Amino acid sequence: MEEAIKKADILIEALPYIREFRGKTFVVKYGGSILSEEKIRKGVLEDIVFLYFMGIRIVLVHGGGVNITERMRERKIEPRFYEGMRITDAATLGVVEEELTVLREEVRQELTALGAKVAALNGKEDLLYVKKKAAPVDLEFVGDMTDINSRKFESLLHEHGVVVVSPMGIDARKVVYNINADEVAAFVSGKLGAEKIVFLTNVKGIMKDQNDPGSLISSVNESQIKNMIKSGTITEGMLPKVNSGLYALDQGTRKVHMIDAKIPHALLLEIFTQEGIGTEIVQ
């Protein structure tokens, strides 16, 4: 009986958040490094389906960098990077699209099996618009976001409730480009005026001291984050995600969340409990 009462208490705690977020849009960025781990993926997708049945609209932007690199090496194509960006020639672009298609279809099937109504698209399907990314070296088919097909996104969300998107887009001449998934998620979140953007990572969140797991920062605002970047507190892998999150906030997203996908049901714990389990960034 006590266990049942505890479960009821948890549901009651979640009630104000369910009421507040029903009908709102969340953008979730799911990195390729954790997408391939079956147990973690299953928990994340269960959380997304829970949100779906709570009436929350979900755009899930997925990566696939680890899978792409492995497949390239199998085909004797040496991966090349510049400042963390994958130099994407025609052969690499082909591998990128193949691997993202496999991952996207896997996610679609699993979400559908859990009961969600899902639309799964490659961003190049008249959904994500880009221009060639400028850099000191030629990144070839790497794009910068310029716009989205907002009407199509809204239509898909209205009809399905969950939209899974691969980070590829087209320019004005219909040339296809590879895009950084963090950038896609942030841009889409801003354009859709999302309530939240959630970055699922393999670390707890933002910490004052990278060597001290107990130094997790649960809530921080934009100006504090910018000071942490200047001071070097936020570095390396977290920096691109934080910058993407700041962009999303500046474009109208209400909150950014950085959470550890390895924690069981991290998404639900972050959204439906007062204390959360990761880091939120607010305006």
C-alpha atoms as a PDB file:
ATOM      1  CA  MET A   1       0.000   0.000   0.000  1.00  0.00           C
ATOM      2  CA  GLU A   2       2.780   2.478   0.897  1.00  0.00           C
ATOM      3  CA  GLU A   3       4.483   1.836  -2.426  1.00  0.00           C
ATOM      4  CA  ALA A   4       1.237   2.523  -4.280  1.00  0.00           C
ATOM      5  CA  ILE A   5       0.750   5.777  -2.348  1.00  0.00           C
ATOM      6  CA  LYS A   6       4.299   6.888  -3.258  1.00  0.00           C
ATOM      7  CA  LYS A   7       3.528   6.284  -6.916  1.00  0.00           C
ATOM      8  CA  ALA A   8       0.326   8.334  -6.609  1.00  0.00           C
ATOM      9  CA  ASP A   9       2.275  11.150  -4.929  1.00  0.00           C
ATOM     10  CA  ILE A  10       4.710  11.200  -7.858  1.00  0.00           C
ATOM     11  CA  LEU A  11       1.821  11.545 -10.308  1.00  0.00           C
ATOM     12  CA  ILE A  12       0.316  14.378  -8.267  1.00  0.00           C
ATOM     13  CA  GLU A  13       3.696  16.160  -8.218  1.00  0.00           C
ATOM     14  CA  ALA A  14       3.763  15.947 -12.011  1.00  0.00           C
ATOM     15  CA  LEU A  15       0.213  17.282 -12.450  1.00  0.00           C
ATOM     16  CA  PRO A  16       1.037  21.043 -12.537  1.00  0.00           C
ATOM     17  CA  TYR A  17       3.723  20.423 -15.176  1.00  0.00           C
ATOM     18  CA  ILE A  18       1.409  18.246 -17.277  1.00  0.00           C
ATOM     19  CA  ARG A  19      -1.225  20.999 -17.149  1.00  0.00           C
ATOM     20  CA  GLU A  20       1.327  23.690 -18.039  1.00  0.00           C
ATOM     21  CA  PHE A  21       2.974  21.863 -20.934  1.00  0.00           C
ATOM     22  CA  ARG A  22       0.015  20.177 -22.587  1.00  0.00           C
ATOM     23  CA  GLY A  23      -0.163  21.326 -26.221  1.00  0.00           C
ATOM     24  CA  LYS A  24       3.336  22.876 -26.091  1.00  0.00           C
ATOM     25  CA  THR A  25       6.283  21.928 -28.309  1.00  0.00           C
ATOM     26  CA  PHE A  26       9.509  20.394 -27.014  1.00  0.00           C
ATOM     27  CA  VAL A  27      12.610  19.897 -29.161  1.00  0.00           C
ATOM     28  CA  VAL A  28      14.842  17.011 -28.095  1.00  0.00           C
ATOM     29  CA  LYS A  29      18.389  16.564 -29.421  1.00  0.00           C
ATOM     30  CA  TYR A  30      19.552  12.959 -29.163  1.00  0.00           C
ATOM     31  CA  GLY A  31      23.259  12.423 -29.868  1.00  0.00           C
ATOM     32  CA  GLY A  32      24.538   9.550 -31.956  1.00  0.00           C
ATOM     33  CA  SER A  33      27.003   8.492 -29.249  1.00  0.00           C
ATOM     34  CA  ILE A  34      24.114   7.358 -27.029  1.00  0.00           C
ATOM     35  CA  LEU A  35      21.577   6.550 -29.742  1.00  0.00           C
ATOM     36  CA  SER A  36      23.311   3.241 -30.492  1.00  0.00           C
ATOM     37  CA  GLU A  37      23.116   1.985 -26.868  1.00  0.00           C
ATOM     38  CA  GLU A  38      19.943  -0.100 -26.813  1.00  0.00           C
ATOM     39  CA  LYS A  39      19.071   0.143 -23.098  1.00  0.00           C
ATOM     40  CA  ILE A  40      19.548   3.923 -23.012  1.00  0.00           C
ATOM     41  CA  ARG A  41      17.674   4.407 -26.279  1.00  0.00           C
ATOM     42  CA  LYS A  42      14.718   2.347 -25.028  1.00  0.00           C
ATOM     43  CA  GLY A  43      14.413   4.467 -21.867  1.00  0.00           C
ATOM     44  CA  VAL A  44      14.631   7.744 -23.792  1.00  0.00           C
ATOM     45  CA  LEU A  45      12.017   6.674 -26.315  1.00  0.00           C
ATOM     46  CA  GLU A  46       9.685   5.507 -23.534  1.00  0.00           C
ATOM     47  CA  ASP A  47       9.985   8.977 -22.000  1.00  0.00           C
ATOM     48  CA  ILE A  48       9.192  10.621 -25.338  1.00  0.00           C
ATOM     49  CA  VAL A  49       6.101   8.457 -25.772  1.00  0.00           C
ATOM     50  CA  PHE A  50       5.001   9.368 -22.237  1.00  0.00           C
ATOM     51  CA  LEU A  51       5.293  13.064 -23.179  1.00  0.00           C
ATOM     52  CA  TYR A  52       3.351  12.345 -26.381  1.00  0.00           C
ATOM     53  CA  PHE A  53       0.453  10.828 -24.434  1.00  0.00           C
ATOM     54  CA  MET A  54       0.531  13.830 -22.089  1.00  0.00           C
ATOM     55  CA  GLY A  55      -0.312  15.998 -25.113  1.00  0.00           C
ATOM     56  CA  ILE A  56       3.179  17.455 -25.607  1.00  0.00           C
ATOM     57  CA  ARG A  57       4.375  17.821 -29.205  1.00  0.00           C
ATOM     58  CA  ILE A  58       7.890  16.507 -29.792  1.00  0.00           C
ATOM     59  CA  VAL A  59      10.488  17.251 -32.457  1.00  0.00           C
ATOM     60  CA  LEU A  60      13.321  14.740 -32.062  1.00  0.00           C
ATOM     61  CA  VAL A  61      16.539  15.710 -33.865  1.00  0.00           C
ATOM     62  CA  HIS A  62      19.037  12.857 -33.879  1.00  0.00           C
ATOM     63  CA  GLY A  63      22.738  12.661 -34.623  1.00  0.00           C
ATOM     64  CA  GLY A  64      24.785   9.711 -35.796  1.00  0.00           C
ATOM     65  CA  GLY A  65      28.441  10.695 -35.759  1.00  0.00           C
ATOM     66  CA  VAL A  66      29.793   7.491 -34.220  1.00  0.00           C
ATOM     67  CA  ASN A  67      27.894   5.262 -36.660  1.00  0.00           C
ATOM     68  CA  ILE A  68      28.949   7.394 -39.614  1.00  0.00           C
ATOM     69  CA  THR A  69      32.629   7.262 -38.664  1.00  0.00           C
ATOM     70  CA  GLU A  70      32.508   3.483 -38.198  1.00  0.00           C
ATOM     71  CA  ARG A  71      30.818   2.961 -41.569  1.00  0.00           C
ATOM     72  CA  MET A  72      33.307   5.250 -43.323  1.00  0.00           C
ATOM     73  CA  ARG A  73      36.252   3.280 -41.940  1.00  0.00           C
ATOM     74  CA  GLU A  74      34.641   0.016 -43.038  1.00  0.00           C
ATOM     75  CA  ARG A  75      34.563   1.466 -46.567  1.00  0.00           C
ATOM     76  CA  LYS A  76      38.169   2.689 -46.355  1.00  0.00           C
ATOM     77  CA  ILE A  77      37.104   6.342 -46.320  1.00  0.00           C
ATOM     78  CA  GLU A  78      39.224   8.226 -43.809  1.00  0.00           C
ATOM     79  CA  PRO A  79      37.130  10.651 -41.710  1.00  0.00           C
ATOM     80  CA  ARG A  80      38.416  14.229 -41.778  1.00  0.00           C
ATOM     81  CA  PHE A  81      37.491  16.978 -39.324  1.00  0.00           C
ATOM     82  CA  TYR A  82      38.129  20.686 -38.922  1.00  0.00           C
ATOM     83  CA  GLU A  83      37.473  22.176 -35.477  1.00  0.00           C
ATOM     84  CA  GLY A  84      35.064  19.336 -34.714  1.00  0.00           C
ATOM     85  CA  MET A  85      33.175  19.638 -38.003  1.00  0.00           C
ATOM     86  CA  ARG A  86      33.117  16.670 -40.368  1.00  0.00           C
ATOM     87  CA  ILE A  87      34.528  17.581 -43.788  1.00  0.00           C
ATOM     88  CA  THR A  88      31.840  16.118 -46.025  1.00  0.00           C
ATOM     89  CA  ASP A  89      32.798  15.274 -49.591  1.00  0.00           C
ATOM     90  CA  ALA A  90      30.389  13.464 -51.937  1.00  0.00           C
ATOM     91  CA  ALA A  91      31.395   9.980 -50.744  1.00  0.00           C
ATOM     92  CA  THR A  92      31.074  11.005 -47.091  1.00  0.00           C
ATOM     93  CA  LEU A  93      27.697  12.624 -47.757  1.00  0.00           C
ATOM     94  CA  GLY A  94      26.443   9.311 -49.132  1.00  0.00           C
ATOM     95  CA  VAL A  95      27.515   7.479 -45.976  1.00  0.00           C
ATOM     96  CA  VAL A  96      25.995  10.203 -43.780  1.00  0.00           C
ATOM     97  CA  GLU A  97      22.617   9.867 -45.465  1.00  0.00           C
ATOM     98  CA  GLU A  98      22.663   6.050 -45.350  1.00  0.00           C
ATOM     99  CA  GLU A  99      23.491   5.885 -41.650  1.00  0.00           C
ATOM    100  CA  LEU A 100      21.054   8.634 -40.654  1.00  0.00           C
ATOM    101  CA  THR A 101      18.317   6.817 -42.588  1.00  0.00           C
ATOM    102  CA  VAL A 102      19.000   3.586 -40.686  1.00  0.00           C
ATOM    103  CA  LEU A 103      18.981   5.358 -37.315  1.00  0.00           C
ATOM    104  CA  ARG A 104      15.881   7.400 -38.120  1.00  0.00           C
ATOM    105  CA  GLU A 105      13.937   4.326 -39.213  1.00  0.00           C
ATOM    106  CA  GLU A 106      15.006   2.422 -36.101  1.00  0.00           C
ATOM    107  CA  VAL A 107      13.770   5.244 -33.884  1.00  0.00           C
ATOM    108  CA  ARG A 108      10.514   5.542 -35.848  1.00  0.00           C
ATOM    109  CA  GLN A 109       9.785   1.834 -35.528  1.00  0.00           C
ATOM    110  CA  GLU A 110      10.482   1.787 -31.791  1.00  0.00           C
ATOM    111  CA  LEU A 111       8.371   4.879 -31.087  1.00  0.00           C
ATOM    112  CA  THR A 112       5.525   3.445 -33.168  1.00  0.00           C
ATOM    113  CA  ALA A 113       5.742   0.114 -31.317  1.00  0.00           C
ATOM    114  CA  LEU A 114       5.345   2.053 -28.054  1.00  0.00           C
ATOM    115  CA  GLY A 115       2.138   3.613 -29.347  1.00  0.00           C
ATOM    116  CA  ALA A 116       3.148   7.027 -30.689  1.00  0.00           C
ATOM    117  CA  LYS A 117       2.055   8.419 -34.037  1.00  0.00           C
ATOM    118  CA  VAL A 118       5.330   9.383 -35.713  1.00  0.00           C
ATOM    119  CA  ALA A 119       6.512  11.220 -38.815  1.00  0.00           C
ATOM    120  CA  ALA A 120      10.178  10.513 -39.635  1.00  0.00           C
ATOM    121  CA  LEU A 121      11.903  12.604 -42.279  1.00  0.00           C
ATOM    122  CA  ASN A 122      15.277  13.486 -43.676  1.00  0.00           C
ATOM    123  CA  GLY A 123      15.661  17.249 -43.322  1.00  0.00           C
ATOM    124  CA  LYS A 124      16.406  17.482 -47.036  1.00  0.00           C
ATOM    125  CA  GLU A 125      12.737  16.619 -47.713  1.00  0.00           C
ATOM    126  CA  ASP A 126      11.727  20.277 -47.999  1.00  0.00           C
ATOM    127  CA  LEU A 127      12.075  20.709 -44.243  1.00  0.00           C
ATOM    128  CA  LEU A 128      15.479  22.270 -43.434  1.00  0.00           C
ATOM    129  CA  TYR A 129      17.047  25.036 -45.540  1.00  0.00           C
ATOM    130  CA  VAL A 130      20.751  25.842 -45.518  1.00  0.00           C
ATOM    131  CA  LYS A 131      23.632  27.629 -47.167  1.00  0.00           C
ATOM    132  CA  LYS A 132      27.148  26.290 -47.517  1.00  0.00           C
ATOM    133  CA  LYS A 133      29.071  26.804 -44.281  1.00  0.00           C
ATOM    134  CA  ALA A 134      31.929  29.296 -44.583  1.00  0.00           C
ATOM    135  CA  ALA A 135      35.221  28.252 -42.967  1.00  0.00           C
ATOM    136  CA  PRO A 136      38.971  28.760 -43.454  1.00  0.00           C
ATOM    137  CA  VAL A 137      39.040  25.332 -45.115  1.00  0.00           C
ATOM    138  CA  ASP A 138      36.531  23.951 -47.614  1.00  0.00           C
ATOM    139  CA  LEU A 139      34.114  21.773 -45.617  1.00  0.00           C
ATOM    140  CA  GLU A 140      32.442  20.832 -48.908  1.00  0.00           C
ATOM    141  CA  PHE A 141      28.850  19.641 -48.276  1.00  0.00           C
ATOM    142  CA  VAL A 142      28.434  21.096 -44.774  1.00  0.00           C
ATOM    143  CA  GLY A 143      25.592  23.552 -44.310  1.00  0.00           C
ATOM    144  CA  ASP A 144      24.534  26.410 -42.042  1.00  0.00           C
ATOM    145  CA  MET A 145      20.829  26.670 -41.188  1.00  0.00           C
ATOM    146  CA  THR A 146      18.991  29.550 -42.850  1.00  0.00           C
ATOM    147  CA  ASP A 147      15.310  28.609 -42.423  1.00  0.00           C
ATOM    148  CA  ILE A 148      12.819  25.802 -41.887  1.00  0.00           C
ATOM    149  CA  ASN A 149       9.518  24.909 -43.482  1.00  0.00           C
ATOM    150  CA  SER A 150       7.487  26.016 -40.463  1.00  0.00           C
ATOM    151  CA  ARG A 151       4.154  25.252 -42.093  1.00  0.00           C
ATOM    152  CA  LYS A 152       5.208  21.667 -42.807  1.00  0.00           C
ATOM    153  CA  PHE A 153       6.564  21.204 -39.284  1.00  0.00           C
ATOM    154  CA  GLU A 154       3.295  22.470 -37.790  1.00  0.00           C
ATOM    155  CA  SER A 155       1.253  20.229 -40.080  1.00  0.00           C
ATOM    156  CA  LEU A 156       3.317  17.157 -39.171  1.00  0.00           C
ATOM    157  CA  LEU A 157       3.127  17.927 -35.449  1.00  0.00           C
ATOM    158  CA  HIS A 158      -0.639  18.437 -35.668  1.00  0.00           C
ATOM    159  CA  GLU A 159      -1.158  15.180 -37.575  1.00  0.00           C
ATOM    160  CA  HIS A 160       1.352  12.967 -35.759  1.00  0.00           C
ATOM    161  CA  GLY A 161       2.525  14.495 -32.485  1.00  0.00           C
ATOM    162  CA  VAL A 162       6.124  13.270 -32.840  1.00  0.00           C
ATOM    163  CA  VAL A 163       8.436  14.337 -35.671  1.00  0.00           C
ATOM    164  CA  VAL A 164      11.851  12.661 -36.018  1.00  0.00           C
ATOM    165  CA  VAL A 165      14.311  14.653 -38.154  1.00  0.00           C
ATOM    166  CA  SER A 166      17.731  13.774 -39.572  1.00  0.00           C
ATOM    167  CA  PRO A 167      20.167  16.734 -39.758  1.00  0.00           C
ATOM    168  CA  MET A 168      20.420  17.239 -43.522  1.00  0.00           C
ATOM    169  CA  GLY A 169      19.106  20.125 -45.577  1.00  0.00           C
ATOM    170  CA  ILE A 170      18.983  21.743 -48.992  1.00  0.00           C
ATOM    171  CA  ASP A 171      20.093  25.092 -50.346  1.00  0.00           C
ATOM    172  CA  ALA A 172      18.311  27.318 -52.870  1.00  0.00           C
ATOM    173  CA  ARG A 173      19.542  25.092 -55.722  1.00  0.00           C
ATOM    174  CA  LYS A 174      18.347  21.885 -53.959  1.00  0.00           C
ATOM    175  CA  VAL A 175      21.952  20.843 -53.230  1.00  0.00           C
ATOM    176  CA  VAL A 176      22.010  18.549 -50.172  1.00  0.00           C
ATOM    177  CA  TYR A 177      24.189  19.324 -47.136  1.00  0.00           C
ATOM    178  CA  ASN A 178      25.150  17.675 -43.866  1.00  0.00           C
ATOM    179  CA  ILE A 179      24.331  19.839 -40.795  1.00  0.00           C
ATOM    180  CA  ASN A 180      25.408  19.770 -37.160  1.00  0.00           C
ATOM    181  CA  ALA A 181      22.497  18.243 -35.205  1.00  0.00           C
ATOM    182  CA  ASP A 182      22.871  20.650 -32.255  1.00  0.00           C
ATOM    183  CA  GLU A 183      22.535  23.582 -34.649  1.00  0.00           C
ATOM    184  CA  VAL A 184      19.479  22.026 -36.281  1.00  0.00           C
ATOM    185  CA  ALA A 185      17.761  21.454 -32.939  1.00  0.00           C
ATOM    186  CA  ALA A 186      18.454  24.992 -31.736  1.00  0.00           C
ATOM    187  CA  PHE A 187      17.317  26.585 -35.001  1.00  0.00           C
ATOM    188  CA  VAL A 188      14.114  24.526 -35.179  1.00  0.00           C
ATOM    189  CA  SER A 189      13.382  25.253 -31.513  1.00  0.00           C
ATOM    190  CA  GLY A 190      13.706  28.979 -32.065  1.00  0.00           C
ATOM    191  CA  LYS A 191      11.616  29.009 -35.237  1.00  0.00           C
ATOM    192  CA  LEU A 192       8.816  26.964 -33.663  1.00  0.00           C
ATOM    193  CA  GLY A 193       8.906  28.975 -30.432  1.00  0.00           C
ATOM    194  CA  ALA A 194       9.379  25.778 -28.449  1.00  0.00           C
ATOM    195  CA  GLU A 195       8.672  25.668 -24.737  1.00  0.00           C
ATOM    196  CA  LYS A 196      11.850  23.676 -24.162  1.00  0.00           C
ATOM    197  CA  ILE A 197      14.880  22.321 -25.944  1.00  0.00           C
ATOM    198  CA  VAL A 198      16.505  19.318 -24.273  1.00  0.00           C
ATOM    199  CA  PHE A 199      20.026  18.162 -25.086  1.00  0.00           C
ATOM    200  CA  LEU A 200      20.468  14.508 -24.133  1.00  0.00           C
ATOM    201  CA  THR A 201      24.154  13.958 -23.405  1.00  0.00           C
ATOM    202  CA  ASN A 202      26.450  11.494 -21.642  1.00  0.00           C
ATOM    203  CA  VAL A 203      27.284  13.872 -18.751  1.00  0.00           C
ATOM    204  CA  LYS A 204      25.153  15.105 -15.839  1.00  0.00           C
ATOM    205  CA  GLY A 205      24.941  18.683 -17.086  1.00  0.00           C
ATOM    206  CA  ILE A 206      26.984  21.836 -16.497  1.00  0.00           C
ATOM    207  CA  MET A 207      29.378  21.651 -13.548  1.00  0.00           C
ATOM    208  CA  LYS A 208      31.408  24.320 -11.758  1.00  0.00           C
ATOM    209  CA  ASP A 209      34.299  21.868 -11.593  1.00  0.00           C
ATOM    210  CA  GLN A 210      34.549  19.234 -14.328  1.00  0.00           C
ATOM    211  CA  ASN A 211      36.397  16.934 -11.926  1.00  0.00           C
ATOM    212  CA  ASP A 212      33.763  17.172  -9.197  1.00  0.00           C
ATOM    213  CA  PRO A 213      30.460  15.387 -10.002  1.00  0.00           C
ATOM    214  CA  GLY A 214      28.933  17.066  -6.956  1.00  0.00           C
ATOM    215  CA  SER A 215      29.350  20.528  -8.491  1.00  0.00           C
ATOM    216  CA  LEU A 216      26.389  20.177 -10.872  1.00  0.00           C
ATOM    217  CA  ILE A 217      24.585  23.473 -11.496  1.00  0.00           C
ATOM    218  CA  SER A 218      20.828  22.840 -11.519  1.00  0.00           C
ATOM    219  CA  SER A 219      19.732  26.241 -12.830  1.00  0.00           C
ATOM    220  CA  VAL A 220      21.608  29.113 -14.475  1.00  0.00           C
ATOM    221  CA  ASN A 221      20.696  32.149 -16.578  1.00  0.00           C
ATOM    222  CA  GLU A 222      22.109  33.439 -19.862  1.00  0.00           C
ATOM    223  CA  SER A 223      24.451  36.059 -18.396  1.00  0.00           C
ATOM    224  CA  GLN A 224      25.880  33.579 -15.885  1.00  0.00           C
ATOM    225  CA  ILE A 225      26.483  31.062 -18.660  1.00  0.00           C
ATOM    226  CA  LYS A 226      28.273  33.660 -20.799  1.00  0.00           C
ATOM    227  CA  ASN A 227      30.548  34.479 -17.856  1.00  0.00           C
ATOM    228  CA  MET A 228      31.290  30.772 -17.399  1.00  0.00           C
ATOM    229  CA  ILE A 229      32.257  30.510 -21.062  1.00  0.00           C
ATOM    230  CA  LYS A 230      34.571  33.539 -20.756  1.00  0.00           C
ATOM    231  CA  SER A 231      36.208  32.125 -17.632  1.00  0.00           C
ATOM    232  CA  GLY A 232      36.788  28.745 -19.270  1.00  0.00           C
ATOM    233  CA  THR A 233      34.484  26.844 -16.895  1.00  0.00           C
ATOM    234  CA  ILE A 234      32.537  25.530 -19.907  1.00  0.00           C
ATOM    235  CA  THR A 235      34.833  23.935 -22.467  1.00  0.00           C
ATOM    236  CA  GLU A 236      35.226  21.169 -25.032  1.00  0.00           C
ATOM    237  CA  GLY A 237      32.200  18.948 -25.734  1.00  0.00           C
ATOM    238  CA  MET A 238      29.694  20.952 -23.700  1.00  0.00           C
ATOM    239  CA  LEU A 239      30.524  24.290 -25.343  1.00  0.00           C
ATOM    240  CA  PRO A 240      28.786  23.687 -28.714  1.00  0.00           C
ATOM    241  CA  LYS A 241      25.644  22.486 -26.918  1.00  0.00           C
ATOM    242  CA  VAL A 242      25.631  25.490 -24.585  1.00  0.00           C
ATOM    243  CA  ASN A 243      26.107  27.888 -27.503  1.00  0.00           C
ATOM    244  CA  SER A 244      23.283  26.167 -29.388  1.00  0.00           C
ATOM    245  CA  GLY A 245      21.116  26.457 -26.293  1.00  0.00           C
ATOM    246  CA  LEU A 246      21.849  30.171 -25.962  1.00  0.00           C
ATOM    247  CA  TYR A 247      20.912  30.663 -29.607  1.00  0.00           C
ATOM    248  CA  ALA A 248      17.598  28.856 -29.028  1.00  0.00           C
ATOM    249  CA  LEU A 249      16.866  31.090 -26.007  1.00  0.00           C
ATOM    250  CA  ASP A 250      17.680  34.231 -27.975  1.00  0.00           C
ATOM    251  CA  GLN A 251      15.275  33.105 -30.714  1.00  0.00           C
ATOM    252  CA  GLY A 252      12.336  32.574 -28.354  1.00  0.00           C
ATOM    253  CA  THR A 253      12.707  29.157 -26.715  1.00  0.00           C
ATOM    254  CA  ARG A 254      11.697  29.444 -23.049  1.00  0.00           C
ATOM    255  CA  LYS A 255      14.134  26.994 -21.427  1.00  0.00           C
ATOM    256  CA  VAL A 256      17.170  24.869 -22.266  1.00  0.00           C
ATOM    257  CA  HIS A 257      17.937  21.590 -20.490  1.00  0.00           C
ATOM    258  CA  MET A 258      21.174  19.582 -20.465  1.00  0.00           C
ATOM    259  CA  ILE A 259      20.659  16.104 -19.019  1.00  0.00           C
ATOM    260  CA  ASP A 260      22.423  12.752 -18.799  1.00  0.00           C
ATOM    261  CA  ALA A 261      20.558  10.223 -20.942  1.00  0.00           C
ATOM    262  CA  LYS A 262      22.197   7.373 -19.026  1.00  0.00           C
ATOM    263  CA  ILE A 263      20.043   8.147 -15.969  1.00  0.00           C
ATOM    264  CA  PRO A 264      16.865   6.029 -16.238  1.00  0.00           C
ATOM    265  CA  HIS A 265      13.928   8.212 -17.338  1.00  0.00           C
ATOM    266  CA  ALA A 266      16.084  11.341 -17.156  1.00  0.00           C
ATOM    267  CA  LEU A 267      13.730  13.247 -19.446  1.00  0.00           C
ATOM    268  CA  LEU A 268      10.714  12.733 -17.186  1.00  0.00           C
ATOM    269  CA  LEU A 269      12.687  13.452 -14.012  1.00  0.00           C
ATOM    270  CA  GLU A 270      13.983  16.733 -15.433  1.00  0.00           C
ATOM    271  CA  ILE A 271      10.617  17.947 -16.682  1.00  0.00           C
ATOM    272  CA  PHE A 272       8.106  16.658 -14.145  1.00  0.00           C
ATOM    273  CA  THR A 273       9.926  17.111 -10.825  1.00  0.00           C
ATOM    274  CA  GLN A 274      10.725  20.296  -8.922  1.00  0.00           C
ATOM    275  CA  GLU A 275      14.432  19.561  -8.438  1.00  0.00           C
ATOM    276  CA  GLY A 276      15.187  17.993 -11.836  1.00  0.00           C
ATOM    277  CA  ILE A 277      18.339  15.981 -12.485  1.00  0.00           C
ATOM    278  CA  GLY A 278      20.381  18.077 -14.943  1.00  0.00           C
ATOM    279  CA  THR A 279      21.016  21.745 -15.763  1.00  0.00           C
ATOM    280  CA  GLU A 280      18.391  24.210 -16.975  1.00  0.00           C
ATOM    281  CA  ILE A 281      19.343  27.471 -18.657  1.00  0.00           C
ATOM    282  CA  VAL A 282      16.784  30.273 -18.449  1.00  0.00           C
ATOM    283  CA  GLN A 283      16.509  33.677 -20.082  1.00  0.00           C
END
